Amino acid sequence: MAKSQETYNKKEVRNRKEKKRKEKEQKRQDRRTNVRGGSGLDDMMAYVDENGRITSEPPEPGRKASVKAEDIEISIPRKIAEAPENKIRNGIITFFNESKGYGFIRDLGNNQNVFVHINDMEEKLVENNKVSFEIEKGVRGLKAIRVKLLK
């Protein structure tokens, strides 16, 4: 019977595969015998203390606070109605761009700048005019509406 045709290169490839398989098996055996990280799951546990901080020690049994199930609220708390302020405010137009149609009013009560658009003005106004206005929430923040010239 004739000898099989096995070249040197084929032998090298087979030997490398066999060596790699043996190394992989050895690593698997090492992992089984040497558990990394000590006790495993216990090292991965984290606890939350009474102040909301994450710690590695379990809480003391005597420090646990009892909570009644009726006291737990699962919904969003209702918004308390704000005290109605004086809706009409007074201010001075600090900047107004006639071509773009917007500007800012400085509230005399709290020195806050409020955006104003030309569509919210009831008459034609220019910078440094004293005006009365109301505030409402706009898309980007507070905005003045119903702007009138003070006489």
Protein backbone atom coordinates (compact mmCIF):
# COMPACT_ATOMS: atom_id res chain seq x y z
CA MET A 1 0.00 0.00 0.00
CA ALA A 2 1.20 3.46 -0.83
CA LYS A 3 1.91 6.11 1.75
CA SER A 4 -0.55 9.04 1.79
CA GLN A 5 0.55 12.25 0.21
CA GLU A 6 1.04 14.59 3.19
CA THR A 7 3.22 17.59 2.54
CA TYR A 8 5.29 19.46 5.07
CA ASN A 9 2.89 22.41 4.98
CA LYS A 10 -0.13 20.21 5.75
CA LYS A 11 1.70 18.73 8.74
CA GLU A 12 2.51 22.20 10.07
CA VAL A 13 -1.09 23.36 9.79
CA ARG A 14 -2.35 20.22 11.55
CA ASN A 15 0.26 20.61 14.33
CA ARG A 16 -0.65 24.30 14.85
CA LYS A 17 -4.37 23.47 15.10
CA GLU A 18 -3.67 20.70 17.59
CA LYS A 19 -1.43 22.98 19.67
CA LYS A 20 -4.09 25.73 19.69
CA ARG A 21 -6.78 23.23 20.75
CA LYS A 22 -4.61 21.98 23.64
CA GLU A 23 -3.88 25.58 24.81
CA LYS A 24 -7.58 26.39 24.73
CA GLU A 25 -8.41 23.28 26.77
CA GLN A 26 -5.67 24.18 29.29
CA LYS A 27 -7.09 27.71 29.72
CA ARG A 28 -10.56 26.25 30.27
CA GLN A 29 -9.20 23.92 32.98
CA ASP A 30 -7.37 26.84 34.67
CA ARG A 31 -10.59 28.92 34.76
CA ARG A 32 -12.50 26.08 36.38
CA THR A 33 -9.93 25.58 39.12
CA ASN A 34 -9.12 29.25 39.80
CA VAL A 35 -12.31 31.29 40.24
CA ARG A 36 -11.48 34.91 39.48
CA GLY A 37 -12.56 37.70 41.85
CA GLY A 38 -12.85 35.63 44.98
CA SER A 39 -16.37 34.55 45.82
CA GLY A 40 -17.99 35.63 42.54
CA LEU A 41 -21.53 36.90 43.12
CA ASP A 42 -20.88 38.36 46.57
CA ASP A 43 -18.26 40.72 45.14
CA MET A 44 -20.70 41.94 42.51
CA MET A 45 -23.46 42.85 44.99
CA ALA A 46 -24.15 46.51 45.72
CA TYR A 47 -26.40 47.96 48.40
CA VAL A 48 -28.11 51.31 48.78
CA ASP A 49 -27.96 52.92 52.22
CA GLU A 50 -30.64 55.15 53.81
CA ASN A 51 -29.14 58.25 52.15
CA GLY A 52 -29.28 56.75 48.66
CA ARG A 53 -25.55 56.10 48.32
CA ILE A 54 -24.29 52.83 46.82
CA THR A 55 -22.12 50.79 49.21
CA SER A 56 -20.55 47.34 49.25
CA GLU A 57 -21.71 46.47 52.79
CA PRO A 58 -25.26 45.27 53.45
CA PRO A 59 -27.42 47.55 55.62
CA GLU A 60 -27.61 46.95 59.35
CA PRO A 61 -30.85 45.17 60.28
CA GLY A 62 -31.59 47.58 63.16
CA ARG A 63 -31.41 50.68 60.95
CA LYS A 64 -34.11 49.63 58.51
CA ALA A 65 -37.07 52.00 58.48
CA SER A 66 -40.56 50.64 58.07
CA VAL A 67 -42.75 52.25 55.44
CA LYS A 68 -46.51 51.94 55.20
CA ALA A 69 -47.79 50.93 51.79
CA GLU A 70 -50.44 53.68 51.94
CA ASP A 71 -47.73 56.36 52.20
CA ILE A 72 -46.10 55.42 48.88
CA GLU A 73 -47.24 57.59 45.98
CA ILE A 74 -46.79 56.14 42.52
CA SER A 75 -48.18 59.05 40.52
CA ILE A 76 -46.92 62.50 39.70
CA PRO A 77 -47.80 64.92 42.51
CA ARG A 78 -50.43 67.45 41.59
CA LYS A 79 -49.18 70.90 40.75
CA ILE A 80 -50.17 73.40 43.38
CA ALA A 81 -51.84 76.41 41.83
CA GLU A 82 -49.54 79.39 41.93
CA ALA A 83 -50.74 82.53 43.61
CA PRO A 84 -52.13 84.82 40.95
CA GLU A 85 -49.71 87.69 40.48
CA ASN A 86 -50.48 91.07 39.10
CA LYS A 87 -50.99 90.02 35.50
CA ILE A 88 -50.38 93.47 34.03
CA ARG A 89 -46.76 94.57 34.32
CA ASN A 90 -44.92 97.72 33.42
CA GLY A 91 -41.62 97.94 31.59
CA ILE A 92 -39.38 99.75 29.13
CA ILE A 93 -38.58 98.61 25.60
CA THR A 94 -34.79 98.17 25.66
CA PHE A 95 -34.36 96.85 22.13
CA PHE A 96 -36.64 96.61 19.13
CA ASN A 97 -35.72 95.67 15.55
CA GLU A 98 -38.44 97.03 13.30
CA SER A 99 -37.29 95.13 10.19
CA LYS A 100 -37.27 91.72 11.93
CA GLY A 101 -40.29 92.46 14.11
CA TYR A 102 -39.05 91.52 17.56
CA GLY A 103 -37.46 93.07 20.62
CA PHE A 104 -37.10 92.93 24.40
CA ILE A 105 -38.85 94.64 27.29
CA ARG A 106 -37.17 95.10 30.68
CA ASP A 107 -39.71 94.49 33.42
CA LEU A 108 -39.57 97.34 35.96
CA GLY A 109 -40.68 95.04 38.80
CA ASN A 110 -37.86 92.50 38.64
CA ASN A 111 -35.46 93.82 35.91
CA GLN A 112 -36.10 90.68 33.84
CA ASN A 113 -35.87 90.87 30.04
CA VAL A 114 -38.93 89.54 28.23
CA PHE A 115 -39.18 88.78 24.51
CA VAL A 116 -41.81 90.68 22.51
CA HIS A 117 -42.98 90.12 18.93
CA ILE A 118 -44.53 92.78 16.72
CA ASN A 119 -47.75 90.71 16.42
CA ASP A 120 -48.28 91.02 20.20
CA MET A 121 -48.14 94.84 20.17
CA GLU A 122 -51.43 96.69 20.03
CA GLU A 123 -49.83 99.87 18.67
CA LYS A 124 -46.57 100.95 17.07
CA LEU A 125 -43.80 101.26 19.65
CA VAL A 126 -40.10 102.18 19.60
CA GLU A 127 -37.15 101.81 21.98
CA ASN A 128 -37.27 103.53 25.41
CA ASN A 129 -41.10 103.65 25.43
CA LYS A 130 -42.76 102.84 28.76
CA VAL A 131 -45.27 100.05 28.19
CA SER A 132 -47.71 97.81 30.04
CA PHE A 133 -47.85 94.14 29.12
CA GLU A 134 -48.79 90.64 30.25
CA ILE A 135 -46.51 87.61 30.34
CA GLU A 136 -47.17 84.13 29.01
CA LYS A 137 -44.96 81.13 28.31
CA GLY A 138 -43.79 81.00 24.74
CA VAL A 139 -42.00 78.26 22.83
CA ARG A 140 -38.54 79.32 24.05
CA GLY A 141 -39.42 81.07 27.32
CA LEU A 142 -41.41 84.01 28.62
CA LYS A 143 -42.95 86.37 26.10
CA ALA A 144 -44.86 89.63 26.40
CA ILE A 145 -48.39 89.86 25.04
CA ARG A 146 -50.95 92.68 24.81
CA VAL A 147 -48.24 95.36 24.85
CA LYS A 148 -49.60 98.92 25.16
CA LEU A 149 -47.97 102.33 25.50
CA LEU A 150 -48.26 103.84 28.99
CA LYS A 151 -49.48 107.43 29.07
